[in-house]
Amino acid sequence: MTAYVWRGDFRNAELNALHAEAFEHRFIDDDWEAQVARHSLGWVCARDGGELVGFVNVPWDGGVHAFVLDTVVAANAGCEWLHVDFEEHLRAFYFDACGFTPTDAGLMRLR
């Protein structure tokens, strides 16, 4: 059973390994711990049996906007869908370059 934890503990090495697997690139020794501590409202760690199988970062502008970045999921996590929101000027990037399919979505003002 996969557990999801807001601001969950992780180590740079395991997140870098997950990122390399998910995006099929070489292992890069990024300092994720320092990055999220400085710039993020929070993040979600997904763990299956203690293994980090997913991560999503929620950085913010320090004001009224937060957004989702750095979404990674292990190939063996069993996910079937990945959703993304974006501004209109990024439409070609997500639909043409990344292969996303247009779909209806919603936005709710929280304040």
C-alpha atoms as a PDB file:
ATOM      1  CA  MET A   1       0.000   0.000   0.000  1.00  0.00           C
ATOM      2  CA  THR A   2       1.366   3.395  -0.990  1.00  0.00           C
ATOM      3  CA  ALA A   3       1.497   6.080   1.707  1.00  0.00           C
ATOM      4  CA  TYR A   4       1.458   9.787   0.826  1.00  0.00           C
ATOM      5  CA  VAL A   5       3.017  12.262   3.253  1.00  0.00           C
ATOM      6  CA  TRP A   6       2.890  16.059   3.020  1.00  0.00           C
ATOM      7  CA  ARG A   7       6.396  17.387   3.706  1.00  0.00           C
ATOM      8  CA  GLY A   8       7.565  13.809   4.068  1.00  0.00           C
ATOM      9  CA  ASP A   9      11.160  12.947   4.846  1.00  0.00           C
ATOM     10  CA  PHE A  10      13.422  12.040   1.954  1.00  0.00           C
ATOM     11  CA  ARG A  11      17.131  11.924   1.200  1.00  0.00           C
ATOM     12  CA  ASN A  12      18.789  13.556  -1.778  1.00  0.00           C
ATOM     13  CA  ALA A  13      20.203  10.252  -3.026  1.00  0.00           C
ATOM     14  CA  GLU A  14      16.816   8.513  -3.194  1.00  0.00           C
ATOM     15  CA  LEU A  15      15.073  11.469  -4.875  1.00  0.00           C
ATOM     16  CA  ASN A  16      17.913  11.866  -7.366  1.00  0.00           C
ATOM     17  CA  ALA A  17      17.699   8.147  -8.175  1.00  0.00           C
ATOM     18  CA  LEU A  18      13.904   8.386  -8.607  1.00  0.00           C
ATOM     19  CA  HIS A  19      14.291  11.456 -10.849  1.00  0.00           C
ATOM     20  CA  ALA A  20      16.913   9.711 -13.000  1.00  0.00           C
ATOM     21  CA  GLU A  21      14.655   6.650 -13.386  1.00  0.00           C
ATOM     22  CA  ALA A  22      11.499   8.632 -14.148  1.00  0.00           C
ATOM     23  CA  PHE A  23      13.110  10.940 -16.706  1.00  0.00           C
ATOM     24  CA  GLU A  24      15.597   8.374 -18.028  1.00  0.00           C
ATOM     25  CA  HIS A  25      18.750  10.415 -17.460  1.00  0.00           C
ATOM     26  CA  ARG A  26      21.984   9.811 -15.604  1.00  0.00           C
ATOM     27  CA  PHE A  27      22.084  10.200 -11.828  1.00  0.00           C
ATOM     28  CA  ILE A  28      22.612  13.866 -10.883  1.00  0.00           C
ATOM     29  CA  ASP A  29      23.604  14.776  -7.330  1.00  0.00           C
ATOM     30  CA  ASP A  30      21.145  17.670  -6.772  1.00  0.00           C
ATOM     31  CA  ASP A  31      20.517  19.052  -3.282  1.00  0.00           C
ATOM     32  CA  TRP A  32      16.723  18.642  -3.172  1.00  0.00           C
ATOM     33  CA  GLU A  33      16.590  18.989   0.596  1.00  0.00           C
ATOM     34  CA  ALA A  34      18.050  22.514   0.494  1.00  0.00           C
ATOM     35  CA  GLN A  35      15.984  23.460  -2.562  1.00  0.00           C
ATOM     36  CA  VAL A  36      12.616  22.586  -1.038  1.00  0.00           C
ATOM     37  CA  ALA A  37      13.585  24.103   2.315  1.00  0.00           C
ATOM     38  CA  ARG A  38      14.281  27.455   0.594  1.00  0.00           C
ATOM     39  CA  HIS A  39      11.583  27.614  -2.072  1.00  0.00           C
ATOM     40  CA  SER A  40       8.696  25.281  -1.330  1.00  0.00           C
ATOM     41  CA  LEU A  41       5.430  25.617   0.472  1.00  0.00           C
ATOM     42  CA  GLY A  42       5.612  21.860   0.744  1.00  0.00           C
ATOM     43  CA  TRP A  43       5.998  18.600  -1.132  1.00  0.00           C
ATOM     44  CA  VAL A  44       4.463  15.152  -1.152  1.00  0.00           C
ATOM     45  CA  CYS A  45       6.437  11.950  -0.852  1.00  0.00           C
ATOM     46  CA  ALA A  46       4.857   8.678  -1.925  1.00  0.00           C
ATOM     47  CA  ARG A  47       6.346   5.573  -0.323  1.00  0.00           C
ATOM     48  CA  ASP A  48       5.627   1.932  -0.942  1.00  0.00           C
ATOM     49  CA  GLY A  49       7.085  -0.298   1.746  1.00  0.00           C
ATOM     50  CA  GLY A  50       9.508   2.440   2.732  1.00  0.00           C
ATOM     51  CA  GLU A  51      10.760   2.974  -0.836  1.00  0.00           C
ATOM     52  CA  LEU A  52      10.326   6.433  -2.365  1.00  0.00           C
ATOM     53  CA  VAL A  53       8.117   5.819  -5.431  1.00  0.00           C
ATOM     54  CA  GLY A  54       6.774   9.317  -6.044  1.00  0.00           C
ATOM     55  CA  PHE A  55       7.444  12.967  -5.340  1.00  0.00           C
ATOM     56  CA  VAL A  56       5.814  16.269  -6.194  1.00  0.00           C
ATOM     57  CA  ASN A  57       7.105  19.704  -5.222  1.00  0.00           C
ATOM     58  CA  VAL A  58       4.810  22.657  -4.392  1.00  0.00           C
ATOM     59  CA  PRO A  59       6.922  25.824  -4.594  1.00  0.00           C
ATOM     60  CA  TRP A  60       5.320  29.226  -4.156  1.00  0.00           C
ATOM     61  CA  ASP A  61       5.991  32.855  -4.852  1.00  0.00           C
ATOM     62  CA  GLY A  62       5.791  33.835  -1.186  1.00  0.00           C
ATOM     63  CA  GLY A  63       2.448  35.469  -1.911  1.00  0.00           C
ATOM     64  CA  VAL A  64      -0.764  34.097  -3.356  1.00  0.00           C
ATOM     65  CA  HIS A  65       0.462  31.575  -5.954  1.00  0.00           C
ATOM     66  CA  ALA A  66       1.625  28.007  -5.429  1.00  0.00           C
ATOM     67  CA  PHE A  67       2.239  25.564  -8.256  1.00  0.00           C
ATOM     68  CA  VAL A  68       3.243  21.953  -8.902  1.00  0.00           C
ATOM     69  CA  LEU A  69       6.729  21.072 -10.176  1.00  0.00           C
ATOM     70  CA  ASP A  70       9.139  18.156 -10.214  1.00  0.00           C
ATOM     71  CA  THR A  71       6.466  15.459 -10.409  1.00  0.00           C
ATOM     72  CA  VAL A  72       8.190  12.088 -10.556  1.00  0.00           C
ATOM     73  CA  VAL A  73       6.808   8.574 -10.234  1.00  0.00           C
ATOM     74  CA  ALA A  74       8.696   5.301 -10.327  1.00  0.00           C
ATOM     75  CA  ALA A  75       7.854   3.234 -13.384  1.00  0.00           C
ATOM     76  CA  ASN A  76       6.820   0.356 -11.172  1.00  0.00           C
ATOM     77  CA  ALA A  77       4.436   2.489  -9.073  1.00  0.00           C
ATOM     78  CA  GLY A  78       1.477   1.352 -11.182  1.00  0.00           C
ATOM     79  CA  CYS A  79       0.281   4.840 -12.123  1.00  0.00           C
ATOM     80  CA  GLU A  80      -1.885   5.055 -15.210  1.00  0.00           C
ATOM     81  CA  TRP A  81      -2.478   8.807 -15.493  1.00  0.00           C
ATOM     82  CA  LEU A  82      -0.456  12.008 -15.116  1.00  0.00           C
ATOM     83  CA  HIS A  83      -2.246  15.368 -15.077  1.00  0.00           C
ATOM     84  CA  VAL A  84      -0.765  18.817 -15.684  1.00  0.00           C
ATOM     85  CA  ASP A  85      -2.119  22.373 -15.558  1.00  0.00           C
ATOM     86  CA  PHE A  86      -0.483  25.241 -17.410  1.00  0.00           C
ATOM     87  CA  GLU A  87      -1.009  28.716 -18.791  1.00  0.00           C
ATOM     88  CA  GLU A  88      -2.249  29.143 -22.375  1.00  0.00           C
ATOM     89  CA  HIS A  89       1.145  30.225 -23.757  1.00  0.00           C
ATOM     90  CA  LEU A  90       2.572  26.786 -22.758  1.00  0.00           C
ATOM     91  CA  ARG A  91      -0.112  24.834 -24.637  1.00  0.00           C
ATOM     92  CA  ALA A  92       2.112  23.798 -27.565  1.00  0.00           C
ATOM     93  CA  PHE A  93       4.841  22.634 -25.208  1.00  0.00           C
ATOM     94  CA  TYR A  94       2.595  20.314 -23.196  1.00  0.00           C
ATOM     95  CA  PHE A  95       0.395  19.075 -26.030  1.00  0.00           C
ATOM     96  CA  ASP A  96       2.899  18.932 -28.885  1.00  0.00           C
ATOM     97  CA  ALA A  97       6.290  18.416 -27.257  1.00  0.00           C
ATOM     98  CA  CYS A  98       5.248  16.375 -24.211  1.00  0.00           C
ATOM     99  CA  GLY A  99       2.311  14.460 -25.658  1.00  0.00           C
ATOM    100  CA  PHE A 100      -0.381  15.444 -23.160  1.00  0.00           C
ATOM    101  CA  THR A 101      -3.996  15.224 -24.340  1.00  0.00           C
ATOM    102  CA  PRO A 102      -6.448  18.114 -23.862  1.00  0.00           C
ATOM    103  CA  THR A 103      -9.042  17.504 -21.136  1.00  0.00           C
ATOM    104  CA  ASP A 104     -11.433  19.513 -18.996  1.00  0.00           C
ATOM    105  CA  ALA A 105     -10.092  20.742 -15.660  1.00  0.00           C
ATOM    106  CA  GLY A 106     -11.204  23.071 -12.910  1.00  0.00           C
ATOM    107  CA  LEU A 107      -9.772  25.896 -10.825  1.00  0.00           C
ATOM    108  CA  MET A 108     -11.093  27.120  -7.493  1.00  0.00           C
ATOM    109  CA  ARG A 109     -10.194  30.426  -5.888  1.00  0.00           C
ATOM    110  CA  LEU A 110      -9.386  29.682  -2.235  1.00  0.00           C
ATOM    111  CA  ARG A 111      -9.481  33.261  -0.952  1.00  0.00           C
END
